[in-house]
Amino acid sequence: MTSYVNPTRETFEFFKSLPRDTPIHMLNLLRYRDAAEYPAGHPNAAKGWSGKRAYQEYGKTSGPIFQRVGGTIIWRGTWEAMVTGPDDKHWEDAFVAAYPNAGAFLEMITDPEYQKAVVNRSAAVLDSRLIRFAPSEGGGWFG
């Protein structure tokens, strides 16, 4: 199984080449490890946390930075079934994070405190997708 936890250099460079002054929505799809995998010597390594618990710690420690840059969760859901797509893929959690602009997202991920917090995310996540969207108007039909 190919897993994706962090962006590649190429995908991140492409992200940075897109406009930074417009609002963005980031779709997050998450699949957790059974047991969190921390680097040797990390203070949380000995706690025996599940991946989901380590991700909760990531949320707790990164949340204040996310809020400071203007981020907000606009939708959250828990996976139930794959209707269209590969049978071997399922996502335990999904959410859409809205940012006032891409610059705010970049400010968050380069913050030194965020860099400490993101270790919990890397320890927690077995597989993920992070997909950038330009927000548009909602509506009552497909069109």
N, C-alpha and C. Protein backbone atom coordinates (compact mmCIF):
# COMPACT_ATOMS: atom_id res chain seq x y z
N MET A 1 0.84 -1.18 0.00
CA MET A 1 0.00 0.00 0.00
C MET A 1 0.89 1.25 0.00
N THR A 2 0.62 2.15 -0.88
CA THR A 2 1.31 3.43 -0.89
C THR A 2 0.58 4.36 0.08
N SER A 3 1.31 4.96 0.99
CA SER A 3 0.73 5.89 1.96
C SER A 3 1.23 7.29 1.69
N TYR A 4 0.39 8.25 1.99
CA TYR A 4 0.73 9.65 1.84
C TYR A 4 0.47 10.34 3.17
N VAL A 5 1.52 10.86 3.78
CA VAL A 5 1.38 11.54 5.07
C VAL A 5 1.72 13.01 4.92
N ASN A 6 2.78 13.30 4.19
CA ASN A 6 3.23 14.68 4.00
C ASN A 6 3.37 14.97 2.51
N PRO A 7 3.29 16.24 2.11
CA PRO A 7 3.44 16.55 0.69
C PRO A 7 4.85 16.25 0.20
N THR A 8 4.95 15.96 -1.08
CA THR A 8 6.27 15.83 -1.68
C THR A 8 6.80 17.24 -1.94
N ARG A 9 8.07 17.35 -2.21
CA ARG A 9 8.65 18.65 -2.54
C ARG A 9 7.95 19.25 -3.76
N GLU A 10 7.68 18.42 -4.75
CA GLU A 10 7.06 18.89 -5.99
C GLU A 10 5.63 19.39 -5.75
N THR A 11 4.84 18.63 -5.01
CA THR A 11 3.46 19.07 -4.78
C THR A 11 3.42 20.32 -3.91
N PHE A 12 4.33 20.43 -2.96
CA PHE A 12 4.35 21.61 -2.12
C PHE A 12 4.81 22.84 -2.90
N GLU A 13 5.78 22.66 -3.79
CA GLU A 13 6.21 23.79 -4.63
C GLU A 13 5.07 24.25 -5.53
N PHE A 14 4.30 23.30 -6.06
CA PHE A 14 3.15 23.69 -6.88
C PHE A 14 2.13 24.46 -6.04
N PHE A 15 1.85 23.96 -4.83
CA PHE A 15 0.93 24.66 -3.93
C PHE A 15 1.40 26.10 -3.72
N LYS A 16 2.68 26.28 -3.47
CA LYS A 16 3.22 27.62 -3.22
C LYS A 16 3.16 28.51 -4.45
N SER A 17 3.10 27.92 -5.65
CA SER A 17 3.04 28.72 -6.88
C SER A 17 1.64 29.26 -7.15
N LEU A 18 0.63 28.72 -6.49
CA LEU A 18 -0.75 29.17 -6.69
C LEU A 18 -0.96 30.49 -5.95
N PRO A 19 -2.02 31.22 -6.29
CA PRO A 19 -2.26 32.51 -5.61
C PRO A 19 -2.32 32.35 -4.09
N ARG A 20 -1.71 33.30 -3.40
CA ARG A 20 -1.66 33.25 -1.94
C ARG A 20 -2.64 34.22 -1.28
N ASP A 21 -3.30 35.06 -2.08
CA ASP A 21 -4.13 36.11 -1.50
C ASP A 21 -5.63 35.85 -1.66
N THR A 22 -6.00 34.59 -1.97
CA THR A 22 -7.41 34.25 -2.12
C THR A 22 -7.78 33.19 -1.09
N PRO A 23 -9.04 33.16 -0.66
CA PRO A 23 -9.46 32.14 0.30
C PRO A 23 -9.26 30.73 -0.27
N ILE A 24 -8.98 29.80 0.61
CA ILE A 24 -8.84 28.40 0.21
C ILE A 24 -9.58 27.50 1.18
N HIS A 25 -10.02 26.36 0.67
CA HIS A 25 -10.57 25.29 1.48
C HIS A 25 -9.65 24.08 1.30
N MET A 26 -9.33 23.43 2.39
CA MET A 26 -8.46 22.26 2.34
C MET A 26 -9.25 21.03 2.82
N LEU A 27 -9.50 20.11 1.89
CA LEU A 27 -10.15 18.85 2.23
C LEU A 27 -9.10 17.92 2.83
N ASN A 28 -9.36 17.43 4.02
CA ASN A 28 -8.46 16.52 4.73
C ASN A 28 -9.15 15.16 4.86
N LEU A 29 -8.51 14.11 4.36
CA LEU A 29 -8.99 12.74 4.51
C LEU A 29 -7.94 12.00 5.32
N LEU A 30 -8.36 11.31 6.38
CA LEU A 30 -7.40 10.74 7.33
C LEU A 30 -7.68 9.28 7.62
N ARG A 31 -6.61 8.51 7.64
CA ARG A 31 -6.63 7.12 8.10
C ARG A 31 -5.51 7.01 9.13
N TYR A 32 -5.84 6.50 10.31
CA TYR A 32 -4.90 6.49 11.42
C TYR A 32 -4.15 5.17 11.54
N ARG A 33 -2.97 5.25 12.12
CA ARG A 33 -2.21 4.05 12.50
C ARG A 33 -2.91 3.42 13.70
N ASP A 34 -2.77 2.11 13.85
CA ASP A 34 -3.30 1.47 15.05
C ASP A 34 -2.58 2.02 16.28
N ALA A 35 -1.26 2.11 16.19
CA ALA A 35 -0.44 2.66 17.27
C ALA A 35 0.40 3.80 16.69
N ALA A 36 0.40 4.93 17.38
CA ALA A 36 1.19 6.08 16.92
C ALA A 36 2.66 5.69 16.84
N GLU A 37 3.35 6.25 15.85
CA GLU A 37 4.78 5.97 15.65
C GLU A 37 5.57 7.27 15.76
N TYR A 38 6.08 7.51 16.95
CA TYR A 38 6.88 8.71 17.21
C TYR A 38 8.35 8.44 16.98
N PRO A 39 9.11 9.49 16.68
CA PRO A 39 10.57 9.32 16.60
C PRO A 39 11.12 8.87 17.96
N ALA A 40 12.18 8.12 17.93
CA ALA A 40 12.80 7.67 19.18
C ALA A 40 13.15 8.87 20.05
N GLY A 41 12.85 8.77 21.31
CA GLY A 41 13.17 9.84 22.25
C GLY A 41 12.12 10.92 22.38
N HIS A 42 11.10 10.92 21.52
CA HIS A 42 10.05 11.95 21.63
C HIS A 42 9.27 11.70 22.92
N PRO A 43 8.91 12.75 23.66
CA PRO A 43 8.21 12.58 24.93
C PRO A 43 6.91 11.77 24.84
N ASN A 44 6.23 11.80 23.70
CA ASN A 44 4.97 11.05 23.58
C ASN A 44 5.17 9.60 23.16
N ALA A 45 6.40 9.22 22.80
CA ALA A 45 6.66 7.87 22.31
C ALA A 45 6.31 6.81 23.33
N ALA A 46 6.55 7.08 24.59
CA ALA A 46 6.33 6.08 25.64
C ALA A 46 4.88 6.03 26.14
N LYS A 47 4.02 6.86 25.59
CA LYS A 47 2.64 6.94 26.10
C LYS A 47 1.73 5.85 25.56
N GLY A 48 2.15 5.17 24.49
CA GLY A 48 1.36 4.08 23.95
C GLY A 48 0.05 4.52 23.30
N TRP A 49 0.06 5.70 22.74
CA TRP A 49 -1.16 6.24 22.13
C TRP A 49 -1.51 5.54 20.83
N SER A 50 -2.81 5.49 20.56
CA SER A 50 -3.28 5.07 19.24
C SER A 50 -3.02 6.22 18.27
N GLY A 51 -3.12 5.93 16.98
CA GLY A 51 -2.99 6.99 16.00
C GLY A 51 -4.05 8.06 16.18
N LYS A 52 -5.27 7.65 16.45
CA LYS A 52 -6.35 8.63 16.64
C LYS A 52 -6.05 9.53 17.83
N ARG A 53 -5.53 8.95 18.91
CA ARG A 53 -5.21 9.76 20.10
C ARG A 53 -4.07 10.73 19.80
N ALA A 54 -3.09 10.31 19.04
CA ALA A 54 -1.99 11.20 18.66
C ALA A 54 -2.51 12.34 17.78
N TYR A 55 -3.48 12.05 16.92
CA TYR A 55 -4.06 13.10 16.08
C TYR A 55 -4.84 14.10 16.93
N GLN A 56 -5.50 13.60 17.95
CA GLN A 56 -6.20 14.52 18.88
C GLN A 56 -5.20 15.45 19.55
N GLU A 57 -4.03 14.93 19.88
CA GLU A 57 -2.98 15.77 20.47
C GLU A 57 -2.49 16.80 19.46
N TYR A 58 -2.39 16.40 18.20
CA TYR A 58 -2.03 17.35 17.14
C TYR A 58 -3.06 18.48 17.08
N GLY A 59 -4.33 18.13 17.12
CA GLY A 59 -5.38 19.15 17.10
C GLY A 59 -5.30 20.08 18.29
N LYS A 60 -5.04 19.53 19.44
CA LYS A 60 -4.93 20.34 20.67
C LYS A 60 -3.74 21.30 20.60
N THR A 61 -2.62 20.84 20.10
CA THR A 61 -1.41 21.66 20.10
C THR A 61 -1.31 22.59 18.90
N SER A 62 -1.93 22.22 17.78
CA SER A 62 -1.89 23.09 16.60
C SER A 62 -3.10 24.01 16.52
N GLY A 63 -4.17 23.68 17.23
CA GLY A 63 -5.41 24.45 17.16
C GLY A 63 -5.26 25.94 17.41
N PRO A 64 -4.54 26.36 18.44
CA PRO A 64 -4.39 27.80 18.66
C PRO A 64 -3.69 28.53 17.50
N ILE A 65 -2.77 27.87 16.84
CA ILE A 65 -2.08 28.48 15.70
C ILE A 65 -3.04 28.56 14.51
N PHE A 66 -3.79 27.48 14.28
CA PHE A 66 -4.81 27.43 13.24
C PHE A 66 -5.81 28.57 13.41
N GLN A 67 -6.27 28.77 14.62
CA GLN A 67 -7.23 29.86 14.89
C GLN A 67 -6.59 31.22 14.72
N ARG A 68 -5.34 31.37 15.15
CA ARG A 68 -4.66 32.66 15.07
C ARG A 68 -4.52 33.14 13.63
N VAL A 69 -4.30 32.20 12.70
CA VAL A 69 -4.15 32.60 11.29
C VAL A 69 -5.49 32.75 10.58
N GLY A 70 -6.58 32.52 11.31
CA GLY A 70 -7.92 32.70 10.74
C GLY A 70 -8.55 31.44 10.21
N GLY A 71 -7.98 30.28 10.53
CA GLY A 71 -8.55 29.03 10.06
C GLY A 71 -9.79 28.64 10.84
N THR A 72 -10.68 27.92 10.16
CA THR A 72 -11.88 27.40 10.79
C THR A 72 -12.29 26.11 10.09
N ILE A 73 -12.89 25.19 10.83
CA ILE A 73 -13.41 23.96 10.24
C ILE A 73 -14.84 24.25 9.80
N ILE A 74 -15.10 24.06 8.49
CA ILE A 74 -16.45 24.37 8.00
C ILE A 74 -17.29 23.12 7.76
N TRP A 75 -16.66 21.97 7.78
CA TRP A 75 -17.38 20.70 7.64
C TRP A 75 -16.51 19.59 8.22
N ARG A 76 -17.17 18.64 8.89
CA ARG A 76 -16.47 17.49 9.45
C ARG A 76 -17.37 16.27 9.30
N GLY A 77 -16.79 15.12 9.00
CA GLY A 77 -17.57 13.90 8.88
C GLY A 77 -16.76 12.68 9.25
N THR A 78 -17.46 11.60 9.52
CA THR A 78 -16.83 10.32 9.83
C THR A 78 -17.21 9.33 8.73
N TRP A 79 -16.22 8.63 8.21
CA TRP A 79 -16.40 7.70 7.10
C TRP A 79 -17.41 6.63 7.44
N GLU A 80 -18.25 6.30 6.43
CA GLU A 80 -19.20 5.21 6.59
C GLU A 80 -19.04 4.15 5.50
N ALA A 81 -18.89 4.56 4.24
CA ALA A 81 -18.80 3.57 3.16
C ALA A 81 -18.20 4.21 1.92
N MET A 82 -17.46 3.40 1.15
CA MET A 82 -16.96 3.83 -0.15
C MET A 82 -18.05 3.50 -1.16
N VAL A 83 -18.61 4.51 -1.79
CA VAL A 83 -19.67 4.32 -2.77
C VAL A 83 -19.06 4.23 -4.17
N THR A 84 -18.14 5.13 -4.48
CA THR A 84 -17.41 5.10 -5.75
C THR A 84 -15.93 5.22 -5.41
N GLY A 85 -15.16 4.24 -5.80
CA GLY A 85 -13.74 4.28 -5.51
C GLY A 85 -13.22 2.91 -5.12
N PRO A 86 -11.92 2.81 -4.84
CA PRO A 86 -11.33 1.51 -4.53
C PRO A 86 -11.81 0.98 -3.18
N ASP A 87 -12.08 -0.34 -3.15
CA ASP A 87 -12.56 -0.98 -1.92
C ASP A 87 -11.56 -0.93 -0.78
N ASP A 88 -10.27 -0.83 -1.10
CA ASP A 88 -9.25 -0.88 -0.06
C ASP A 88 -8.99 0.48 0.57
N LYS A 89 -9.71 1.51 0.17
CA LYS A 89 -9.52 2.84 0.74
C LYS A 89 -10.70 3.19 1.62
N HIS A 90 -10.39 3.57 2.82
CA HIS A 90 -11.40 4.17 3.68
C HIS A 90 -10.74 5.25 4.52
N TRP A 91 -11.52 6.20 4.89
CA TRP A 91 -11.01 7.35 5.64
C TRP A 91 -11.76 7.39 6.95
N GLU A 92 -11.03 7.39 8.05
CA GLU A 92 -11.68 7.38 9.36
C GLU A 92 -12.26 8.73 9.72
N ASP A 93 -11.63 9.78 9.28
CA ASP A 93 -12.14 11.13 9.51
C ASP A 93 -11.92 11.96 8.27
N ALA A 94 -12.77 12.95 8.11
CA ALA A 94 -12.64 13.89 7.01
C ALA A 94 -13.13 15.25 7.49
N PHE A 95 -12.48 16.30 7.00
CA PHE A 95 -12.95 17.64 7.32
C PHE A 95 -12.45 18.62 6.27
N VAL A 96 -13.12 19.76 6.23
CA VAL A 96 -12.70 20.85 5.35
C VAL A 96 -12.30 22.01 6.25
N ALA A 97 -11.05 22.42 6.11
CA ALA A 97 -10.53 23.58 6.83
C ALA A 97 -10.54 24.77 5.87
N ALA A 98 -11.11 25.88 6.32
CA ALA A 98 -11.13 27.10 5.51
C ALA A 98 -10.08 28.05 6.05
N TYR A 99 -9.36 28.69 5.14
CA TYR A 99 -8.35 29.69 5.48
C TYR A 99 -8.70 30.98 4.74
N PRO A 100 -8.44 32.12 5.36
CA PRO A 100 -8.73 33.39 4.68
C PRO A 100 -7.94 33.55 3.39
N ASN A 101 -6.79 32.89 3.33
CA ASN A 101 -5.97 32.89 2.11
C ASN A 101 -4.87 31.83 2.28
N ALA A 102 -4.23 31.50 1.17
CA ALA A 102 -3.17 30.49 1.22
C ALA A 102 -1.98 30.96 2.04
N GLY A 103 -1.77 32.27 2.09
CA GLY A 103 -0.69 32.80 2.92
C GLY A 103 -0.88 32.44 4.38
N ALA A 104 -2.14 32.41 4.85
CA ALA A 104 -2.42 32.04 6.23
C ALA A 104 -2.04 30.59 6.48
N PHE A 105 -2.34 29.71 5.53
CA PHE A 105 -1.95 28.31 5.65
C PHE A 105 -0.43 28.19 5.74
N LEU A 106 0.27 28.91 4.86
CA LEU A 106 1.74 28.86 4.87
C LEU A 106 2.30 29.45 6.16
N GLU A 107 1.67 30.51 6.67
CA GLU A 107 2.10 31.07 7.96
C GLU A 107 1.97 30.04 9.06
N MET A 108 0.85 29.29 9.05
CA MET A 108 0.62 28.28 10.08
C MET A 108 1.70 27.20 10.03
N ILE A 109 1.92 26.62 8.84
CA ILE A 109 2.82 25.46 8.79
C ILE A 109 4.28 25.82 8.99
N THR A 110 4.63 27.10 8.88
CA THR A 110 6.02 27.50 9.13
C THR A 110 6.23 28.05 10.53
N ASP A 111 5.16 28.16 11.31
CA ASP A 111 5.26 28.62 12.69
C ASP A 111 6.08 27.61 13.51
N PRO A 112 7.06 28.07 14.30
CA PRO A 112 7.88 27.14 15.08
C PRO A 112 7.09 26.25 16.04
N GLU A 113 6.02 26.78 16.63
CA GLU A 113 5.20 25.96 17.52
C GLU A 113 4.41 24.92 16.74
N TYR A 114 3.98 25.27 15.53
CA TYR A 114 3.30 24.30 14.68
C TYR A 114 4.26 23.18 14.31
N GLN A 115 5.51 23.52 14.02
CA GLN A 115 6.50 22.51 13.66
C GLN A 115 6.66 21.48 14.79
N LYS A 116 6.53 21.92 16.03
CA LYS A 116 6.58 20.98 17.16
C LYS A 116 5.31 20.13 17.19
N ALA A 117 4.16 20.75 16.93
CA ALA A 117 2.88 20.05 17.00
C ALA A 117 2.71 19.02 15.89
N VAL A 118 3.23 19.30 14.70
CA VAL A 118 2.99 18.43 13.55
C VAL A 118 3.64 17.05 13.71
N VAL A 119 4.56 16.91 14.64
CA VAL A 119 5.14 15.59 14.93
C VAL A 119 4.03 14.63 15.34
N ASN A 120 3.03 15.14 16.07
CA ASN A 120 1.90 14.30 16.47
C ASN A 120 1.10 13.82 15.26
N ARG A 121 0.94 14.69 14.27
CA ARG A 121 0.21 14.30 13.05
C ARG A 121 0.97 13.21 12.31
N SER A 122 2.26 13.40 12.15
CA SER A 122 3.06 12.39 11.44
C SER A 122 3.05 11.06 12.17
N ALA A 123 3.04 11.08 13.49
CA ALA A 123 3.00 9.85 14.28
C ALA A 123 1.64 9.17 14.16
N ALA A 124 0.60 9.96 13.96
CA ALA A 124 -0.78 9.47 13.98
C ALA A 124 -1.25 8.86 12.67
N VAL A 125 -0.85 9.47 11.56
CA VAL A 125 -1.48 9.21 10.28
C VAL A 125 -0.80 8.07 9.51
N LEU A 126 -1.61 7.10 9.10
CA LEU A 126 -1.14 6.02 8.24
C LEU A 126 -1.23 6.45 6.78
N ASP A 127 -2.31 7.12 6.42
CA ASP A 127 -2.52 7.57 5.06
C ASP A 127 -3.43 8.79 5.10
N SER A 128 -3.24 9.68 4.16
CA SER A 128 -4.07 10.89 4.14
C SER A 128 -4.09 11.50 2.76
N ARG A 129 -5.01 12.41 2.58
CA ARG A 129 -5.05 13.26 1.40
C ARG A 129 -5.33 14.67 1.91
N LEU A 130 -4.65 15.63 1.33
CA LEU A 130 -4.86 17.04 1.63
C LEU A 130 -5.03 17.71 0.28
N ILE A 131 -6.24 18.20 0.01
CA ILE A 131 -6.58 18.69 -1.31
C ILE A 131 -7.06 20.13 -1.21
N ARG A 132 -6.40 21.01 -1.95
CA ARG A 132 -6.76 22.43 -1.95
C ARG A 132 -7.87 22.70 -2.96
N PHE A 133 -8.87 23.47 -2.52
CA PHE A 133 -9.95 23.92 -3.38
C PHE A 133 -10.10 25.42 -3.26
N ALA A 134 -10.53 26.04 -4.35
CA ALA A 134 -10.97 27.44 -4.30
C ALA A 134 -12.45 27.39 -3.94
N PRO A 135 -12.86 28.06 -2.86
CA PRO A 135 -14.27 28.01 -2.50
C PRO A 135 -15.16 28.66 -3.57
N SER A 136 -16.36 28.13 -3.70
CA SER A 136 -17.34 28.72 -4.59
C SER A 136 -18.70 28.66 -3.91
N GLU A 137 -19.66 29.26 -4.55
CA GLU A 137 -21.01 29.31 -3.98
C GLU A 137 -21.63 27.93 -3.90
N GLY A 138 -22.30 27.67 -2.78
CA GLY A 138 -23.08 26.45 -2.66
C GLY A 138 -24.42 26.65 -3.36
N GLY A 139 -25.19 25.62 -3.42
CA GLY A 139 -26.48 25.73 -4.05
C GLY A 139 -27.28 24.47 -3.85
N GLY A 140 -28.47 24.47 -4.35
CA GLY A 140 -29.37 23.36 -4.12
C GLY A 140 -29.40 22.34 -5.24
N TRP A 141 -28.53 22.45 -6.23
CA TRP A 141 -28.53 21.50 -7.34
C TRP A 141 -27.14 21.35 -7.93
N PHE A 142 -26.97 20.36 -8.77
CA PHE A 142 -25.68 20.09 -9.42
C PHE A 142 -25.66 20.87 -10.74
N GLY A 143 -24.93 21.94 -10.80
CA GLY A 143 -24.94 22.64 -12.06
C GLY A 143 -24.01 23.79 -12.13
